[in-house]
Amino acid sequence: MVKKTVIKKGYIKPTESTIKIPVSQLGMGMFVSALDRPWLETPFLVQGFLIESLDHIVLVQEFCDYVYINAVRDDWVPPEDRVVVPTNKKKRYVHKISVEQENGVAPGVYRQAKNIVGTVLDDVRMGNALDAKQAKETVSGCVDSILRNPDALMW
């Protein structure tokens, strides 16, 4: 049985671009971002403005043949699907050594981990820097013990 899983939902992504249009196509609500001539040669006080009235359109038409507007386009980005193929294979770990042999090492690993956790919590409480090297060594010891025989550290 093949199962599809949605990884990321679809969404609308706005894309902004600059478009060159003749001034005869200007409309209300358009944002003029550039002109066909230097801004200083026009009566506009700011570089870039929103067309809010017919007077704005007429004024632009007096000074320019074409303008650049900022256009926002909404694009649909489809969801990302992945096919999940079920497998019946489970990874099994083989006990490398017996529980009795690992029981000689596991209590020491456990005590060391317990002490490190206490030290880390005290350091956090006091605002001190954590000893990452010591914590990594302890975690590695726990992982090694579990990989040798998972039953020994589970008491």
N, C-alpha and C. Protein backbone atom coordinates (compact mmCIF):
# COMPACT_ATOMS: atom_id res chain seq x y z
N MET A 1 0.84 -1.18 0.00
CA MET A 1 0.00 0.00 0.00
C MET A 1 0.89 1.25 0.00
N VAL A 2 0.65 2.14 -0.94
CA VAL A 2 1.43 3.38 -1.05
C VAL A 2 0.61 4.50 -0.43
N LYS A 3 1.24 5.26 0.43
CA LYS A 3 0.56 6.33 1.14
C LYS A 3 1.22 7.66 0.81
N LYS A 4 0.39 8.69 0.53
CA LYS A 4 0.94 10.02 0.28
C LYS A 4 0.87 10.82 1.56
N THR A 5 1.92 11.56 1.83
CA THR A 5 1.98 12.40 3.01
C THR A 5 2.24 13.83 2.57
N VAL A 6 1.45 14.77 3.07
CA VAL A 6 1.66 16.18 2.76
C VAL A 6 2.76 16.70 3.68
N ILE A 7 3.86 17.14 3.08
CA ILE A 7 5.00 17.64 3.84
C ILE A 7 4.82 19.13 4.14
N LYS A 8 4.36 19.87 3.14
CA LYS A 8 4.18 21.31 3.27
C LYS A 8 2.87 21.69 2.60
N LYS A 9 2.03 22.43 3.28
CA LYS A 9 0.75 22.83 2.73
C LYS A 9 0.96 23.83 1.58
N GLY A 10 -0.02 23.88 0.67
CA GLY A 10 0.02 24.87 -0.39
C GLY A 10 -0.22 26.26 0.17
N TYR A 11 0.27 27.27 -0.51
CA TYR A 11 0.09 28.63 -0.03
C TYR A 11 0.18 29.62 -1.20
N ILE A 12 -0.26 30.83 -0.95
CA ILE A 12 -0.18 31.90 -1.95
C ILE A 12 1.06 32.73 -1.66
N LYS A 13 1.90 32.88 -2.67
CA LYS A 13 3.14 33.63 -2.52
C LYS A 13 3.05 34.90 -3.36
N PRO A 14 3.07 36.07 -2.71
CA PRO A 14 3.05 37.31 -3.49
C PRO A 14 4.42 37.56 -4.13
N THR A 15 4.40 37.93 -5.39
CA THR A 15 5.63 38.22 -6.12
C THR A 15 5.54 39.66 -6.63
N GLU A 16 6.52 40.46 -6.25
CA GLU A 16 6.52 41.86 -6.69
C GLU A 16 7.47 42.02 -7.85
N SER A 17 7.00 42.75 -8.86
CA SER A 17 7.85 43.02 -10.02
C SER A 17 7.58 44.43 -10.51
N THR A 18 8.52 44.95 -11.26
CA THR A 18 8.38 46.29 -11.84
C THR A 18 8.02 46.14 -13.31
N ILE A 19 6.96 46.83 -13.73
CA ILE A 19 6.48 46.72 -15.11
C ILE A 19 6.47 48.10 -15.75
N LYS A 20 6.95 48.17 -16.99
CA LYS A 20 6.92 49.42 -17.76
C LYS A 20 5.59 49.48 -18.51
N ILE A 21 4.84 50.59 -18.29
CA ILE A 21 3.56 50.76 -18.99
C ILE A 21 3.45 52.17 -19.54
N PRO A 22 2.71 52.35 -20.64
CA PRO A 22 2.45 53.71 -21.13
C PRO A 22 1.53 54.44 -20.14
N VAL A 23 1.67 55.75 -20.08
CA VAL A 23 0.88 56.52 -19.11
C VAL A 23 -0.62 56.44 -19.40
N SER A 24 -0.99 56.09 -20.64
CA SER A 24 -2.42 55.96 -20.97
C SER A 24 -3.05 54.77 -20.23
N GLN A 25 -2.25 53.85 -19.72
CA GLN A 25 -2.79 52.69 -19.01
C GLN A 25 -2.76 52.85 -17.49
N LEU A 26 -2.36 54.01 -17.00
CA LEU A 26 -2.33 54.24 -15.56
C LEU A 26 -3.73 54.19 -14.97
N GLY A 27 -3.84 53.66 -13.77
CA GLY A 27 -5.12 53.58 -13.10
C GLY A 27 -4.99 53.88 -11.63
N MET A 28 -6.13 54.06 -10.99
CA MET A 28 -6.17 54.35 -9.56
C MET A 28 -5.59 53.17 -8.78
N GLY A 29 -4.80 53.46 -7.74
CA GLY A 29 -4.25 52.43 -6.89
C GLY A 29 -2.91 51.88 -7.35
N MET A 30 -2.43 52.30 -8.52
CA MET A 30 -1.12 51.84 -8.99
C MET A 30 -0.03 52.63 -8.31
N PHE A 31 1.09 51.95 -8.03
CA PHE A 31 2.23 52.61 -7.40
C PHE A 31 3.28 52.87 -8.47
N VAL A 32 3.57 54.15 -8.74
CA VAL A 32 4.58 54.55 -9.72
C VAL A 32 5.93 54.57 -9.01
N SER A 33 6.84 53.68 -9.46
CA SER A 33 8.13 53.59 -8.79
C SER A 33 9.26 54.28 -9.55
N ALA A 34 9.07 54.51 -10.86
CA ALA A 34 10.10 55.19 -11.66
C ALA A 34 9.44 55.84 -12.86
N LEU A 35 10.12 56.85 -13.39
CA LEU A 35 9.62 57.59 -14.56
C LEU A 35 10.55 57.38 -15.74
N ASP A 36 10.12 57.87 -16.90
CA ASP A 36 10.97 57.78 -18.09
C ASP A 36 11.96 58.95 -18.16
N ARG A 37 12.02 59.74 -17.14
CA ARG A 37 12.93 60.89 -17.06
C ARG A 37 13.36 61.07 -15.62
N PRO A 38 14.38 61.87 -15.35
CA PRO A 38 14.81 62.10 -13.96
C PRO A 38 13.70 62.75 -13.14
N TRP A 39 13.62 62.37 -11.89
CA TRP A 39 12.59 62.90 -11.00
C TRP A 39 12.71 64.41 -10.84
N LEU A 40 13.93 64.94 -10.91
CA LEU A 40 14.13 66.38 -10.71
C LEU A 40 13.53 67.22 -11.82
N GLU A 41 13.24 66.60 -12.96
CA GLU A 41 12.62 67.33 -14.07
C GLU A 41 11.10 67.34 -13.99
N THR A 42 10.57 66.85 -12.87
CA THR A 42 9.11 66.78 -12.69
C THR A 42 8.73 67.49 -11.40
N PRO A 43 7.44 67.80 -11.21
CA PRO A 43 7.00 68.47 -9.99
C PRO A 43 6.73 67.52 -8.82
N PHE A 44 7.02 66.25 -8.99
CA PHE A 44 6.72 65.29 -7.92
C PHE A 44 7.72 65.46 -6.78
N LEU A 45 7.21 65.51 -5.56
CA LEU A 45 8.04 65.77 -4.39
C LEU A 45 8.83 64.54 -3.93
N VAL A 46 8.28 63.36 -4.16
CA VAL A 46 8.94 62.14 -3.72
C VAL A 46 9.16 61.21 -4.91
N GLN A 47 10.15 60.38 -4.79
CA GLN A 47 10.43 59.40 -5.84
C GLN A 47 9.65 58.14 -5.54
N GLY A 48 8.52 57.99 -6.20
CA GLY A 48 7.61 56.88 -5.99
C GLY A 48 6.37 57.37 -5.27
N PHE A 49 5.21 57.11 -5.84
CA PHE A 49 3.97 57.56 -5.24
C PHE A 49 2.81 56.70 -5.73
N LEU A 50 1.74 56.74 -4.97
CA LEU A 50 0.53 56.00 -5.28
C LEU A 50 -0.43 56.90 -6.06
N ILE A 51 -0.98 56.38 -7.13
CA ILE A 51 -1.99 57.13 -7.90
C ILE A 51 -3.29 57.07 -7.11
N GLU A 52 -3.71 58.25 -6.58
CA GLU A 52 -4.89 58.29 -5.72
C GLU A 52 -6.05 59.06 -6.35
N SER A 53 -5.78 59.77 -7.46
CA SER A 53 -6.87 60.53 -8.08
C SER A 53 -6.59 60.69 -9.57
N LEU A 54 -7.61 61.14 -10.29
CA LEU A 54 -7.44 61.39 -11.73
C LEU A 54 -6.47 62.54 -11.98
N ASP A 55 -6.38 63.48 -11.03
CA ASP A 55 -5.42 64.58 -11.15
C ASP A 55 -3.99 64.06 -11.21
N HIS A 56 -3.68 63.01 -10.42
CA HIS A 56 -2.35 62.41 -10.46
C HIS A 56 -2.06 61.85 -11.84
N ILE A 57 -3.04 61.16 -12.41
CA ILE A 57 -2.86 60.55 -13.74
C ILE A 57 -2.61 61.63 -14.78
N VAL A 58 -3.40 62.70 -14.75
CA VAL A 58 -3.24 63.80 -15.71
C VAL A 58 -1.86 64.44 -15.56
N LEU A 59 -1.42 64.66 -14.34
CA LEU A 59 -0.11 65.27 -14.09
C LEU A 59 1.02 64.39 -14.62
N VAL A 60 0.94 63.09 -14.39
CA VAL A 60 1.96 62.17 -14.90
C VAL A 60 1.96 62.20 -16.43
N GLN A 61 0.78 62.23 -17.04
CA GLN A 61 0.67 62.23 -18.50
C GLN A 61 1.28 63.49 -19.12
N GLU A 62 1.29 64.59 -18.37
CA GLU A 62 1.88 65.84 -18.87
C GLU A 62 3.40 65.74 -18.99
N PHE A 63 4.02 64.98 -18.10
CA PHE A 63 5.47 64.95 -18.04
C PHE A 63 6.11 63.67 -18.60
N CYS A 64 5.35 62.61 -18.72
CA CYS A 64 5.96 61.32 -19.09
C CYS A 64 5.20 60.66 -20.23
N ASP A 65 5.92 59.78 -20.95
CA ASP A 65 5.30 58.95 -21.98
C ASP A 65 5.00 57.56 -21.41
N TYR A 66 5.88 57.09 -20.53
CA TYR A 66 5.68 55.80 -19.87
C TYR A 66 6.25 55.88 -18.46
N VAL A 67 5.81 54.97 -17.61
CA VAL A 67 6.27 54.90 -16.22
C VAL A 67 6.48 53.44 -15.84
N TYR A 68 7.13 53.25 -14.71
CA TYR A 68 7.32 51.91 -14.16
C TYR A 68 6.46 51.79 -12.91
N ILE A 69 5.68 50.73 -12.85
CA ILE A 69 4.82 50.52 -11.68
C ILE A 69 5.23 49.24 -10.98
N ASN A 70 4.96 49.20 -9.68
CA ASN A 70 5.19 47.98 -8.91
C ASN A 70 3.92 47.15 -8.99
N ALA A 71 4.06 45.96 -9.52
CA ALA A 71 2.92 45.05 -9.64
C ALA A 71 3.14 43.88 -8.71
N VAL A 72 2.10 43.54 -7.97
CA VAL A 72 2.17 42.39 -7.08
C VAL A 72 1.26 41.31 -7.66
N ARG A 73 1.86 40.14 -7.86
CA ARG A 73 1.10 39.03 -8.42
C ARG A 73 1.11 37.91 -7.39
N ASP A 74 -0.05 37.32 -7.17
CA ASP A 74 -0.15 36.20 -6.23
C ASP A 74 -0.04 34.90 -7.01
N ASP A 75 0.95 34.09 -6.63
CA ASP A 75 1.16 32.79 -7.27
C ASP A 75 0.81 31.69 -6.28
N TRP A 76 0.12 30.66 -6.76
CA TRP A 76 -0.22 29.51 -5.93
C TRP A 76 0.96 28.54 -5.95
N VAL A 77 1.46 28.23 -4.77
CA VAL A 77 2.53 27.25 -4.63
C VAL A 77 1.86 25.97 -4.14
N PRO A 78 1.89 24.91 -4.95
CA PRO A 78 1.18 23.69 -4.56
C PRO A 78 1.83 22.99 -3.37
N PRO A 79 1.06 22.17 -2.66
CA PRO A 79 1.65 21.45 -1.52
C PRO A 79 2.69 20.45 -1.99
N GLU A 80 3.65 20.19 -1.11
CA GLU A 80 4.68 19.20 -1.41
C GLU A 80 4.20 17.85 -0.90
N ASP A 81 4.12 16.90 -1.80
CA ASP A 81 3.73 15.54 -1.43
C ASP A 81 4.93 14.63 -1.52
N ARG A 82 4.94 13.65 -0.68
CA ARG A 82 5.96 12.61 -0.76
C ARG A 82 5.27 11.28 -0.63
N VAL A 83 5.76 10.33 -1.35
CA VAL A 83 5.20 9.00 -1.26
C VAL A 83 5.96 8.23 -0.19
N VAL A 84 5.20 7.65 0.72
CA VAL A 84 5.80 6.87 1.79
C VAL A 84 5.54 5.40 1.48
N VAL A 85 6.59 4.66 1.31
CA VAL A 85 6.47 3.24 1.04
C VAL A 85 6.72 2.49 2.34
N PRO A 86 5.71 1.79 2.82
CA PRO A 86 5.90 1.09 4.10
C PRO A 86 6.87 -0.08 3.93
N THR A 87 7.69 -0.25 4.93
CA THR A 87 8.61 -1.38 4.93
C THR A 87 8.40 -2.17 6.21
N ASN A 88 8.62 -3.44 6.14
CA ASN A 88 8.47 -4.30 7.31
C ASN A 88 9.83 -4.60 7.94
N LYS A 89 10.85 -3.97 7.41
CA LYS A 89 12.19 -4.22 7.92
C LYS A 89 12.44 -3.38 9.17
N LYS A 90 12.77 -4.04 10.24
CA LYS A 90 13.14 -3.35 11.47
C LYS A 90 14.59 -3.65 11.75
N LYS A 91 15.30 -2.64 12.15
CA LYS A 91 16.70 -2.84 12.46
C LYS A 91 16.81 -3.45 13.85
N ARG A 92 17.50 -4.53 13.92
CA ARG A 92 17.68 -5.20 15.20
C ARG A 92 19.13 -5.11 15.61
N TYR A 93 19.32 -4.80 16.87
CA TYR A 93 20.67 -4.75 17.40
C TYR A 93 20.96 -6.07 18.11
N VAL A 94 22.12 -6.56 17.89
CA VAL A 94 22.54 -7.80 18.53
C VAL A 94 23.30 -7.43 19.80
N HIS A 95 22.96 -8.11 20.88
CA HIS A 95 23.69 -7.86 22.13
C HIS A 95 25.14 -8.26 21.92
N LYS A 96 26.03 -7.29 22.07
CA LYS A 96 27.45 -7.56 21.86
C LYS A 96 28.06 -8.32 23.04
N ILE A 97 27.54 -7.99 24.22
CA ILE A 97 28.03 -8.71 25.41
C ILE A 97 26.83 -9.06 26.28
N SER A 98 27.01 -9.92 27.23
CA SER A 98 25.90 -10.36 28.09
C SER A 98 25.55 -9.26 29.10
N VAL A 99 24.35 -9.40 29.67
CA VAL A 99 23.90 -8.45 30.69
C VAL A 99 24.84 -8.49 31.89
N GLU A 100 25.27 -9.65 32.25
CA GLU A 100 26.15 -9.78 33.41
C GLU A 100 27.46 -9.00 33.21
N GLN A 101 28.02 -9.10 32.00
CA GLN A 101 29.27 -8.38 31.73
C GLN A 101 29.02 -6.87 31.74
N GLU A 102 27.92 -6.43 31.11
CA GLU A 102 27.64 -4.98 31.04
C GLU A 102 27.24 -4.44 32.41
N ASN A 103 26.67 -5.29 33.26
CA ASN A 103 26.29 -4.82 34.60
C ASN A 103 27.49 -4.39 35.42
N GLY A 104 28.67 -4.82 35.06
CA GLY A 104 29.87 -4.35 35.73
C GLY A 104 30.20 -2.91 35.36
N VAL A 105 29.79 -2.46 34.16
CA VAL A 105 30.11 -1.12 33.66
C VAL A 105 28.93 -0.16 33.83
N ALA A 106 27.70 -0.66 33.62
CA ALA A 106 26.51 0.19 33.57
C ALA A 106 26.28 1.03 34.82
N PRO A 107 26.44 0.50 36.05
CA PRO A 107 26.21 1.34 37.23
C PRO A 107 27.14 2.56 37.27
N GLY A 108 28.38 2.40 36.85
CA GLY A 108 29.31 3.53 36.83
C GLY A 108 28.89 4.57 35.81
N VAL A 109 28.43 4.11 34.65
CA VAL A 109 27.94 5.03 33.60
C VAL A 109 26.72 5.78 34.12
N TYR A 110 25.83 5.07 34.80
CA TYR A 110 24.62 5.69 35.35
C TYR A 110 24.97 6.75 36.39
N ARG A 111 25.89 6.41 37.32
CA ARG A 111 26.29 7.38 38.36
C ARG A 111 26.92 8.63 37.73
N GLN A 112 27.78 8.41 36.73
CA GLN A 112 28.42 9.54 36.06
C GLN A 112 27.37 10.44 35.39
N ALA A 113 26.38 9.84 34.72
CA ALA A 113 25.33 10.61 34.05
C ALA A 113 24.51 11.39 35.07
N LYS A 114 24.19 10.75 36.20
CA LYS A 114 23.41 11.42 37.25
C LYS A 114 24.18 12.61 37.81
N ASN A 115 25.47 12.46 38.03
CA ASN A 115 26.30 13.56 38.54
C ASN A 115 26.39 14.71 37.52
N ILE A 116 26.56 14.36 36.26
CA ILE A 116 26.67 15.40 35.22
C ILE A 116 25.37 16.18 35.11
N VAL A 117 24.23 15.50 35.15
CA VAL A 117 22.94 16.19 35.08
C VAL A 117 22.82 17.18 36.24
N GLY A 118 23.20 16.76 37.44
CA GLY A 118 23.16 17.67 38.59
C GLY A 118 24.08 18.86 38.40
N THR A 119 25.29 18.61 37.89
CA THR A 119 26.25 19.68 37.65
C THR A 119 25.72 20.67 36.60
N VAL A 120 25.15 20.13 35.53
CA VAL A 120 24.62 21.00 34.47
C VAL A 120 23.49 21.86 35.00
N LEU A 121 22.58 21.27 35.77
CA LEU A 121 21.47 22.05 36.34
C LEU A 121 21.98 23.13 37.29
N ASP A 122 22.98 22.80 38.11
CA ASP A 122 23.57 23.81 39.01
C ASP A 122 24.22 24.93 38.21
N ASP A 123 24.95 24.58 37.14
CA ASP A 123 25.59 25.60 36.31
C ASP A 123 24.56 26.53 35.67
N VAL A 124 23.46 25.95 35.21
CA VAL A 124 22.40 26.76 34.60
C VAL A 124 21.79 27.69 35.63
N ARG A 125 21.53 27.15 36.82
CA ARG A 125 20.95 27.95 37.89
C ARG A 125 21.85 29.11 38.28
N MET A 126 23.16 28.87 38.30
CA MET A 126 24.13 29.89 38.71
C MET A 126 24.54 30.81 37.56
N GLY A 127 24.15 30.48 36.35
CA GLY A 127 24.53 31.30 35.20
C GLY A 127 25.94 31.03 34.71
N ASN A 128 26.49 29.90 35.08
CA ASN A 128 27.84 29.54 34.65
C ASN A 128 27.82 28.88 33.28
N ALA A 129 28.99 28.85 32.67
CA ALA A 129 29.12 28.18 31.37
C ALA A 129 29.05 26.67 31.58
N LEU A 130 28.45 25.98 30.61
CA LEU A 130 28.32 24.53 30.69
C LEU A 130 29.58 23.85 30.18
N ASP A 131 29.91 22.72 30.77
CA ASP A 131 31.05 21.93 30.33
C ASP A 131 30.55 20.95 29.27
N ALA A 132 30.52 21.38 28.03
CA ALA A 132 29.98 20.58 26.94
C ALA A 132 30.81 19.33 26.70
N LYS A 133 32.10 19.44 26.86
CA LYS A 133 32.98 18.29 26.62
C LYS A 133 32.65 17.15 27.59
N GLN A 134 32.49 17.48 28.85
CA GLN A 134 32.19 16.47 29.85
C GLN A 134 30.80 15.87 29.61
N ALA A 135 29.84 16.70 29.23
CA ALA A 135 28.49 16.21 28.96
C ALA A 135 28.49 15.27 27.75
N LYS A 136 29.24 15.61 26.70
CA LYS A 136 29.32 14.75 25.52
C LYS A 136 29.95 13.41 25.86
N GLU A 137 30.98 13.43 26.67
CA GLU A 137 31.65 12.19 27.07
C GLU A 137 30.67 11.29 27.84
N THR A 138 29.86 11.88 28.71
CA THR A 138 28.90 11.11 29.48
C THR A 138 27.82 10.52 28.59
N VAL A 139 27.30 11.31 27.68
CA VAL A 139 26.28 10.82 26.75
C VAL A 139 26.86 9.70 25.90
N SER A 140 28.08 9.87 25.44
CA SER A 140 28.72 8.81 24.64
C SER A 140 28.85 7.52 25.45
N GLY A 141 29.19 7.64 26.73
CA GLY A 141 29.28 6.46 27.59
C GLY A 141 27.94 5.75 27.72
N CYS A 142 26.85 6.51 27.86
CA CYS A 142 25.50 5.92 27.95
C CYS A 142 25.13 5.23 26.65
N VAL A 143 25.39 5.88 25.54
CA VAL A 143 25.06 5.31 24.23
C VAL A 143 25.86 4.03 24.01
N ASP A 144 27.14 4.06 24.32
CA ASP A 144 27.98 2.87 24.15
C ASP A 144 27.45 1.71 24.98
N SER A 145 27.05 1.99 26.23
CA SER A 145 26.54 0.95 27.10
C SER A 145 25.25 0.36 26.53
N ILE A 146 24.36 1.22 26.05
CA ILE A 146 23.09 0.75 25.48
C ILE A 146 23.33 -0.08 24.22
N LEU A 147 24.28 0.32 23.39
CA LEU A 147 24.57 -0.44 22.19
C LEU A 147 25.21 -1.79 22.50
N ARG A 148 25.97 -1.86 23.57
CA ARG A 148 26.59 -3.15 23.94
C ARG A 148 25.51 -4.11 24.43
N ASN A 149 24.61 -3.62 25.27
CA ASN A 149 23.49 -4.46 25.74
C ASN A 149 22.46 -3.52 26.35
N PRO A 150 21.34 -3.28 25.67
CA PRO A 150 20.35 -2.30 26.12
C PRO A 150 19.69 -2.65 27.46
N ASP A 151 19.69 -3.91 27.82
CA ASP A 151 19.01 -4.30 29.06
C ASP A 151 19.80 -3.89 30.32
N ALA A 152 21.09 -3.75 30.21
CA ALA A 152 21.93 -3.51 31.39
C ALA A 152 21.69 -2.12 31.99
N LEU A 153 21.48 -1.11 31.19
CA LEU A 153 21.31 0.26 31.71
C LEU A 153 19.85 0.58 31.99
N MET A 154 18.96 -0.36 31.79
CA MET A 154 17.53 -0.11 31.95
C MET A 154 17.00 -0.46 33.33
N TRP A 155 17.80 -0.52 34.30
CA TRP A 155 17.32 -0.86 35.63
C TRP A 155 17.09 0.38 36.37
